[in-house]
Amino acid sequence: MDCIFCKIIAGEIPSSKVYEDEKILAFNDINPMAPVHVLVIPKIHIPSCDGINEENSCFVKHIFEKIPEIAKTAGITNGYRVITNCGEDAKQSVKHLHFHILGGRSLPENMG
């Protein structure tokens, strides 16, 4: 598979890890849009939100259970934004489900 996030999970491409467990990996974005910009991905390949189903939704549930802990560990203390893009019109650049945690300052309303 030629998925950059699958290669990061496999350790073939280095990343700046923020959190990792058996289901998910969180790492700093290489092109941050905020002082804190962490990507959180499931350790199985789910192409986008459209690929979430009964068999893999436990990974998404786990991501959202861990987001507050990841944000706190990353130093976010006064709120954050969670964003995901789904499909071409939304400008999904990597076809592996991922969530952006953005924070570390007051974010503009139109940022997303």
C-alpha atoms as a PDB file:
ATOM      1  CA  MET A   1       0.000   0.000   0.000  1.00  0.00           C
ATOM      2  CA  ASP A   2       1.298   3.454  -0.872  1.00  0.00           C
ATOM      3  CA  CYS A   3      -0.224   5.310   2.094  1.00  0.00           C
ATOM      4  CA  ILE A   4       2.123   7.712   3.869  1.00  0.00           C
ATOM      5  CA  PHE A   5       0.279   7.311   7.176  1.00  0.00           C
ATOM      6  CA  CYS A   6       0.451   3.501   6.967  1.00  0.00           C
ATOM      7  CA  LYS A   7       4.203   3.893   6.394  1.00  0.00           C
ATOM      8  CA  ILE A   8       4.455   6.144   9.469  1.00  0.00           C
ATOM      9  CA  ILE A   9       2.560   3.540  11.524  1.00  0.00           C
ATOM     10  CA  ALA A  10       4.927   0.824  10.249  1.00  0.00           C
ATOM     11  CA  GLY A  11       7.961   2.937  11.224  1.00  0.00           C
ATOM     12  CA  GLU A  12       9.120   3.282   7.602  1.00  0.00           C
ATOM     13  CA  ILE A  13       8.798   7.073   7.785  1.00  0.00           C
ATOM     14  CA  PRO A  14       9.779   8.937  10.971  1.00  0.00           C
ATOM     15  CA  SER A  15       7.322  11.119  12.833  1.00  0.00           C
ATOM     16  CA  SER A  16       7.320  13.320  15.890  1.00  0.00           C
ATOM     17  CA  LYS A  17       5.104  11.137  18.103  1.00  0.00           C
ATOM     18  CA  VAL A  18       2.912  12.734  20.712  1.00  0.00           C
ATOM     19  CA  TYR A  19       0.915   9.632  21.714  1.00  0.00           C
ATOM     20  CA  GLU A  20       0.697   5.989  20.703  1.00  0.00           C
ATOM     21  CA  ASP A  21      -1.178   2.899  21.831  1.00  0.00           C
ATOM     22  CA  GLU A  22      -2.398  -0.313  20.222  1.00  0.00           C
ATOM     23  CA  LYS A  23      -5.158   1.437  18.221  1.00  0.00           C
ATOM     24  CA  ILE A  24      -3.952   4.944  17.379  1.00  0.00           C
ATOM     25  CA  LEU A  25      -0.952   7.145  16.710  1.00  0.00           C
ATOM     26  CA  ALA A  26      -0.723  10.907  17.265  1.00  0.00           C
ATOM     27  CA  PHE A  27       2.131  13.003  15.889  1.00  0.00           C
ATOM     28  CA  ASN A  28       2.985  16.622  15.139  1.00  0.00           C
ATOM     29  CA  ASP A  29       1.982  17.879  11.692  1.00  0.00           C
ATOM     30  CA  ILE A  30       4.968  18.759   9.490  1.00  0.00           C
ATOM     31  CA  ASN A  31       3.140  21.883   8.196  1.00  0.00           C
ATOM     32  CA  PRO A  32       1.461  23.261  11.335  1.00  0.00           C
ATOM     33  CA  MET A  33      -1.448  25.674  11.000  1.00  0.00           C
ATOM     34  CA  ALA A  34      -1.347  26.589  14.712  1.00  0.00           C
ATOM     35  CA  PRO A  35       1.245  26.553  17.504  1.00  0.00           C
ATOM     36  CA  VAL A  36      -0.015  23.050  18.326  1.00  0.00           C
ATOM     37  CA  HIS A  37      -1.071  20.932  15.343  1.00  0.00           C
ATOM     38  CA  VAL A  38      -1.297  17.216  16.045  1.00  0.00           C
ATOM     39  CA  LEU A  39      -2.601  14.540  13.679  1.00  0.00           C
ATOM     40  CA  VAL A  40      -4.371  11.531  15.177  1.00  0.00           C
ATOM     41  CA  ILE A  41      -4.753   8.420  13.025  1.00  0.00           C
ATOM     42  CA  PRO A  42      -6.116   4.908  13.484  1.00  0.00           C
ATOM     43  CA  LYS A  43      -3.552   2.134  13.138  1.00  0.00           C
ATOM     44  CA  ILE A  44      -5.718   0.447  10.530  1.00  0.00           C
ATOM     45  CA  HIS A  45      -6.263   1.891   7.085  1.00  0.00           C
ATOM     46  CA  ILE A  46      -9.630   3.632   6.859  1.00  0.00           C
ATOM     47  CA  PRO A  47      -9.659   5.840   3.739  1.00  0.00           C
ATOM     48  CA  SER A  48     -11.927   8.602   5.128  1.00  0.00           C
ATOM     49  CA  CYS A  49     -15.065   9.195   7.197  1.00  0.00           C
ATOM     50  CA  ASP A  50     -16.941   7.443   4.401  1.00  0.00           C
ATOM     51  CA  GLY A  51     -15.044   4.258   5.270  1.00  0.00           C
ATOM     52  CA  ILE A  52     -16.155   4.121   8.909  1.00  0.00           C
ATOM     53  CA  ASN A  53     -18.334   1.098   9.588  1.00  0.00           C
ATOM     54  CA  GLU A  54     -19.448  -1.228  12.371  1.00  0.00           C
ATOM     55  CA  GLU A  55     -16.210  -3.230  12.203  1.00  0.00           C
ATOM     56  CA  ASN A  56     -13.804  -0.271  12.535  1.00  0.00           C
ATOM     57  CA  SER A  57     -15.782   2.417  14.382  1.00  0.00           C
ATOM     58  CA  CYS A  58     -14.153   1.328  17.653  1.00  0.00           C
ATOM     59  CA  PHE A  59     -10.940   3.003  16.390  1.00  0.00           C
ATOM     60  CA  VAL A  60     -12.757   6.315  15.883  1.00  0.00           C
ATOM     61  CA  LYS A  61     -14.415   6.023  19.286  1.00  0.00           C
ATOM     62  CA  HIS A  62     -10.998   5.439  20.839  1.00  0.00           C
ATOM     63  CA  ILE A  63      -9.546   8.470  19.048  1.00  0.00           C
ATOM     64  CA  PHE A  64     -12.235  10.723  20.500  1.00  0.00           C
ATOM     65  CA  GLU A  65     -11.783   9.234  23.959  1.00  0.00           C
ATOM     66  CA  LYS A  66      -8.037  10.051  23.770  1.00  0.00           C
ATOM     67  CA  ILE A  67      -8.200  13.505  22.123  1.00  0.00           C
ATOM     68  CA  PRO A  68      -8.557  15.403  25.451  1.00  0.00           C
ATOM     69  CA  GLU A  69      -5.514  13.601  26.869  1.00  0.00           C
ATOM     70  CA  ILE A  70      -3.488  14.185  23.694  1.00  0.00           C
ATOM     71  CA  ALA A  71      -4.419  17.886  23.645  1.00  0.00           C
ATOM     72  CA  LYS A  72      -3.431  18.301  27.294  1.00  0.00           C
ATOM     73  CA  THR A  73      -0.137  16.452  26.780  1.00  0.00           C
ATOM     74  CA  ALA A  74       0.592  18.686  23.776  1.00  0.00           C
ATOM     75  CA  GLY A  75       0.221  21.747  26.018  1.00  0.00           C
ATOM     76  CA  ILE A  76      -3.210  22.979  24.949  1.00  0.00           C
ATOM     77  CA  THR A  77      -4.833  24.572  27.995  1.00  0.00           C
ATOM     78  CA  ASN A  78      -7.568  26.894  26.730  1.00  0.00           C
ATOM     79  CA  GLY A  79      -9.473  24.972  24.057  1.00  0.00           C
ATOM     80  CA  TYR A  80      -8.772  23.367  20.707  1.00  0.00           C
ATOM     81  CA  ARG A  81     -10.352  22.517  17.380  1.00  0.00           C
ATOM     82  CA  VAL A  82     -10.719  19.009  15.902  1.00  0.00           C
ATOM     83  CA  ILE A  83     -10.997  18.818  12.105  1.00  0.00           C
ATOM     84  CA  THR A  84     -11.188  16.057   9.543  1.00  0.00           C
ATOM     85  CA  ASN A  85     -11.531  16.345   5.778  1.00  0.00           C
ATOM     86  CA  CYS A  86     -13.499  13.820   3.742  1.00  0.00           C
ATOM     87  CA  GLY A  87     -13.052  13.607  -0.015  1.00  0.00           C
ATOM     88  CA  GLU A  88     -11.777  15.765  -2.845  1.00  0.00           C
ATOM     89  CA  ASP A  89     -14.036  18.807  -2.340  1.00  0.00           C
ATOM     90  CA  ALA A  90     -12.968  18.965   1.316  1.00  0.00           C
ATOM     91  CA  LYS A  91      -9.303  18.837   0.201  1.00  0.00           C
ATOM     92  CA  GLN A  92      -8.490  15.537   1.928  1.00  0.00           C
ATOM     93  CA  SER A  93      -4.797  15.297   1.079  1.00  0.00           C
ATOM     94  CA  VAL A  94      -3.999  11.876   2.579  1.00  0.00           C
ATOM     95  CA  LYS A  95      -6.497   9.086   1.961  1.00  0.00           C
ATOM     96  CA  HIS A  96      -6.190   7.693   5.489  1.00  0.00           C
ATOM     97  CA  LEU A  97      -8.676   8.883   8.092  1.00  0.00           C
ATOM     98  CA  HIS A  98      -7.039  11.475  10.317  1.00  0.00           C
ATOM     99  CA  PHE A  99      -8.068  14.155  12.745  1.00  0.00           C
ATOM    100  CA  HIS A 100      -6.271  17.469  13.217  1.00  0.00           C
ATOM    101  CA  ILE A 101      -6.054  18.855  16.755  1.00  0.00           C
ATOM    102  CA  LEU A 102      -5.323  22.579  16.509  1.00  0.00           C
ATOM    103  CA  GLY A 103      -4.666  24.885  19.443  1.00  0.00           C
ATOM    104  CA  GLY A 104      -2.143  26.817  21.436  1.00  0.00           C
ATOM    105  CA  ARG A 105      -3.661  30.217  20.659  1.00  0.00           C
ATOM    106  CA  SER A 106      -6.996  31.811  19.851  1.00  0.00           C
ATOM    107  CA  LEU A 107      -7.960  30.362  16.442  1.00  0.00           C
ATOM    108  CA  PRO A 108      -9.687  32.383  13.732  1.00  0.00           C
ATOM    109  CA  GLU A 109     -13.321  31.475  13.134  1.00  0.00           C
ATOM    110  CA  ASN A 110     -12.800  30.763   9.425  1.00  0.00           C
ATOM    111  CA  MET A 111      -9.859  28.422   9.972  1.00  0.00           C
ATOM    112  CA  GLY A 112     -10.840  24.889   9.210  1.00  0.00           C
END
